[in-house]
Amino acid sequence: MKRVELLARLKSAQVHDLYRGKDITTLTAFMNNTELEKHIQSFEKGIEASGDRRAKTANA
């Protein structure tokens, strides 16, 4: 995946309510694409997990 695409994914994660107001992008300047993708995946997993918790809370 191209770096531009990875940075777009990171930007979409940063605007999510879970990470709003937190700086999750600064260190990415020092990461290669593989490290950056792993970094992004960790945030995307957090978003998925928070969505699962919200769905369970809404159904309860």
N, C-alpha and C. Protein backbone atom coordinates (compact mmCIF):
# COMPACT_ATOMS: atom_id res chain seq x y z
N MET A 1 0.85 -1.17 0.00
CA MET A 1 0.00 0.00 0.00
C MET A 1 0.90 1.24 0.00
N LYS A 2 0.49 2.24 -0.74
CA LYS A 2 1.28 3.46 -0.83
C LYS A 2 1.15 4.27 0.46
N ARG A 3 2.19 5.02 0.76
CA ARG A 3 2.22 5.83 1.97
C ARG A 3 1.06 6.83 2.03
N VAL A 4 0.72 7.40 0.89
CA VAL A 4 -0.39 8.35 0.85
C VAL A 4 -1.69 7.68 1.30
N GLU A 5 -1.90 6.45 0.86
CA GLU A 5 -3.09 5.71 1.25
C GLU A 5 -3.07 5.38 2.75
N LEU A 6 -1.89 5.03 3.25
CA LEU A 6 -1.76 4.74 4.68
C LEU A 6 -2.06 5.99 5.52
N LEU A 7 -1.54 7.12 5.08
CA LEU A 7 -1.77 8.36 5.82
C LEU A 7 -3.24 8.77 5.78
N ALA A 8 -3.92 8.47 4.70
CA ALA A 8 -5.36 8.74 4.62
C ALA A 8 -6.13 7.88 5.63
N ARG A 9 -5.73 6.62 5.76
CA ARG A 9 -6.35 5.74 6.76
C ARG A 9 -6.09 6.25 8.16
N LEU A 10 -4.87 6.71 8.40
CA LEU A 10 -4.52 7.24 9.72
C LEU A 10 -5.33 8.49 10.03
N LYS A 11 -5.50 9.34 9.04
CA LYS A 11 -6.27 10.57 9.24
C LYS A 11 -7.72 10.23 9.58
N SER A 12 -8.29 9.24 8.92
CA SER A 12 -9.67 8.87 9.22
C SER A 12 -9.78 8.27 10.63
N ALA A 13 -8.75 7.59 11.09
CA ALA A 13 -8.76 7.06 12.46
C ALA A 13 -8.65 8.19 13.48
N GLN A 14 -7.85 9.20 13.17
CA GLN A 14 -7.64 10.29 14.14
C GLN A 14 -8.90 11.11 14.37
N VAL A 15 -9.75 11.23 13.38
CA VAL A 15 -10.97 12.03 13.57
C VAL A 15 -12.09 11.25 14.25
N HIS A 16 -11.88 9.96 14.45
CA HIS A 16 -12.87 9.15 15.16
C HIS A 16 -12.98 9.64 16.60
N ASP A 17 -14.17 9.57 17.17
CA ASP A 17 -14.40 10.05 18.53
C ASP A 17 -13.44 9.45 19.55
N LEU A 18 -13.05 8.22 19.34
CA LEU A 18 -12.17 7.52 20.27
C LEU A 18 -10.79 8.18 20.37
N TYR A 19 -10.31 8.75 19.27
CA TYR A 19 -8.96 9.32 19.23
C TYR A 19 -8.94 10.83 19.04
N ARG A 20 -10.11 11.44 18.97
CA ARG A 20 -10.18 12.89 18.77
C ARG A 20 -9.44 13.61 19.90
N GLY A 21 -8.60 14.56 19.52
CA GLY A 21 -7.83 15.32 20.50
C GLY A 21 -6.52 14.66 20.89
N LYS A 22 -6.27 13.47 20.38
CA LYS A 22 -5.01 12.78 20.66
C LYS A 22 -4.15 12.83 19.41
N ASP A 23 -2.86 12.98 19.61
CA ASP A 23 -1.95 13.02 18.47
C ASP A 23 -1.44 11.62 18.18
N ILE A 24 -1.95 11.01 17.13
CA ILE A 24 -1.54 9.66 16.76
C ILE A 24 -0.69 9.68 15.49
N THR A 25 -0.30 10.89 15.04
CA THR A 25 0.39 11.00 13.76
C THR A 25 1.85 11.41 13.84
N THR A 26 2.28 12.04 14.92
CA THR A 26 3.62 12.62 14.98
C THR A 26 4.73 11.61 14.69
N LEU A 27 4.68 10.47 15.32
CA LEU A 27 5.75 9.47 15.16
C LEU A 27 5.79 8.84 13.78
N THR A 28 4.73 9.00 13.01
CA THR A 28 4.66 8.33 11.71
C THR A 28 5.72 8.82 10.74
N ALA A 29 6.24 10.00 10.97
CA ALA A 29 7.30 10.52 10.10
C ALA A 29 8.55 9.66 10.18
N PHE A 30 8.72 8.94 11.28
CA PHE A 30 9.91 8.12 11.49
C PHE A 30 9.67 6.65 11.19
N MET A 31 8.48 6.30 10.73
CA MET A 31 8.14 4.90 10.48
C MET A 31 8.23 4.57 9.00
N ASN A 32 8.66 3.35 8.72
CA ASN A 32 8.58 2.89 7.33
C ASN A 32 7.13 2.43 7.08
N ASN A 33 6.81 2.07 5.87
CA ASN A 33 5.43 1.74 5.53
C ASN A 33 4.89 0.54 6.30
N THR A 34 5.73 -0.45 6.55
CA THR A 34 5.29 -1.63 7.29
C THR A 34 4.94 -1.26 8.73
N GLU A 35 5.79 -0.50 9.37
CA GLU A 35 5.52 -0.06 10.73
C GLU A 35 4.29 0.83 10.79
N LEU A 36 4.15 1.70 9.80
CA LEU A 36 3.00 2.61 9.74
C LEU A 36 1.71 1.81 9.60
N GLU A 37 1.71 0.79 8.78
CA GLU A 37 0.51 -0.02 8.61
C GLU A 37 0.13 -0.72 9.91
N LYS A 38 1.10 -1.24 10.64
CA LYS A 38 0.83 -1.88 11.93
C LYS A 38 0.27 -0.86 12.93
N HIS A 39 0.83 0.34 12.91
CA HIS A 39 0.38 1.44 13.77
C HIS A 39 -1.09 1.75 13.49
N ILE A 40 -1.43 1.85 12.23
CA ILE A 40 -2.80 2.16 11.82
C ILE A 40 -3.74 1.03 12.20
N GLN A 41 -3.31 -0.19 11.98
CA GLN A 41 -4.15 -1.35 12.30
C GLN A 41 -4.52 -1.39 13.77
N SER A 42 -3.59 -0.98 14.64
CA SER A 42 -3.90 -0.98 16.07
C SER A 42 -5.02 0.01 16.38
N PHE A 43 -5.02 1.16 15.73
CA PHE A 43 -6.09 2.14 15.95
C PHE A 43 -7.40 1.67 15.32
N GLU A 44 -7.32 1.05 14.16
CA GLU A 44 -8.53 0.55 13.52
C GLU A 44 -9.17 -0.57 14.35
N LYS A 45 -8.35 -1.40 14.98
CA LYS A 45 -8.87 -2.45 15.86
C LYS A 45 -9.56 -1.83 17.07
N GLY A 46 -8.98 -0.76 17.60
CA GLY A 46 -9.60 -0.05 18.72
C GLY A 46 -10.95 0.52 18.34
N ILE A 47 -11.05 1.05 17.14
CA ILE A 47 -12.32 1.60 16.66
C ILE A 47 -13.35 0.49 16.50
N GLU A 48 -12.93 -0.63 15.93
CA GLU A 48 -13.84 -1.77 15.78
C GLU A 48 -14.33 -2.26 17.14
N ALA A 49 -13.40 -2.36 18.09
CA ALA A 49 -13.76 -2.84 19.43
C ALA A 49 -14.73 -1.87 20.11
N SER A 50 -14.52 -0.58 19.94
CA SER A 50 -15.42 0.38 20.57
C SER A 50 -16.79 0.32 19.92
N GLY A 51 -16.83 0.04 18.62
CA GLY A 51 -18.10 -0.13 17.93
C GLY A 51 -18.85 -1.35 18.43
N ASP A 52 -18.12 -2.43 18.70
CA ASP A 52 -18.73 -3.64 19.23
C ASP A 52 -19.31 -3.38 20.61
N ARG A 53 -18.59 -2.63 21.44
CA ARG A 53 -19.08 -2.32 22.78
C ARG A 53 -20.32 -1.44 22.71
N ARG A 54 -20.32 -0.47 21.79
CA ARG A 54 -21.47 0.42 21.64
C ARG A 54 -22.69 -0.38 21.18
N ALA A 55 -22.48 -1.30 20.27
CA ALA A 55 -23.60 -2.11 19.77
C ALA A 55 -24.17 -2.96 20.89
N LYS A 56 -23.32 -3.55 21.72
CA LYS A 56 -23.79 -4.38 22.83
C LYS A 56 -24.55 -3.53 23.85
N THR A 57 -24.05 -2.31 24.10
CA THR A 57 -24.70 -1.41 25.06
C THR A 57 -26.06 -0.98 24.51
N ALA A 58 -26.16 -0.70 23.24
CA ALA A 58 -27.41 -0.26 22.63
C ALA A 58 -28.45 -1.39 22.66
N ASN A 59 -27.99 -2.62 22.51
CA ASN A 59 -28.91 -3.76 22.50
C ASN A 59 -29.33 -4.19 23.89
N ALA A 60 -28.62 -3.75 24.91
CA ALA A 60 -28.91 -4.19 26.29
C ALA A 60 -30.11 -3.47 26.87
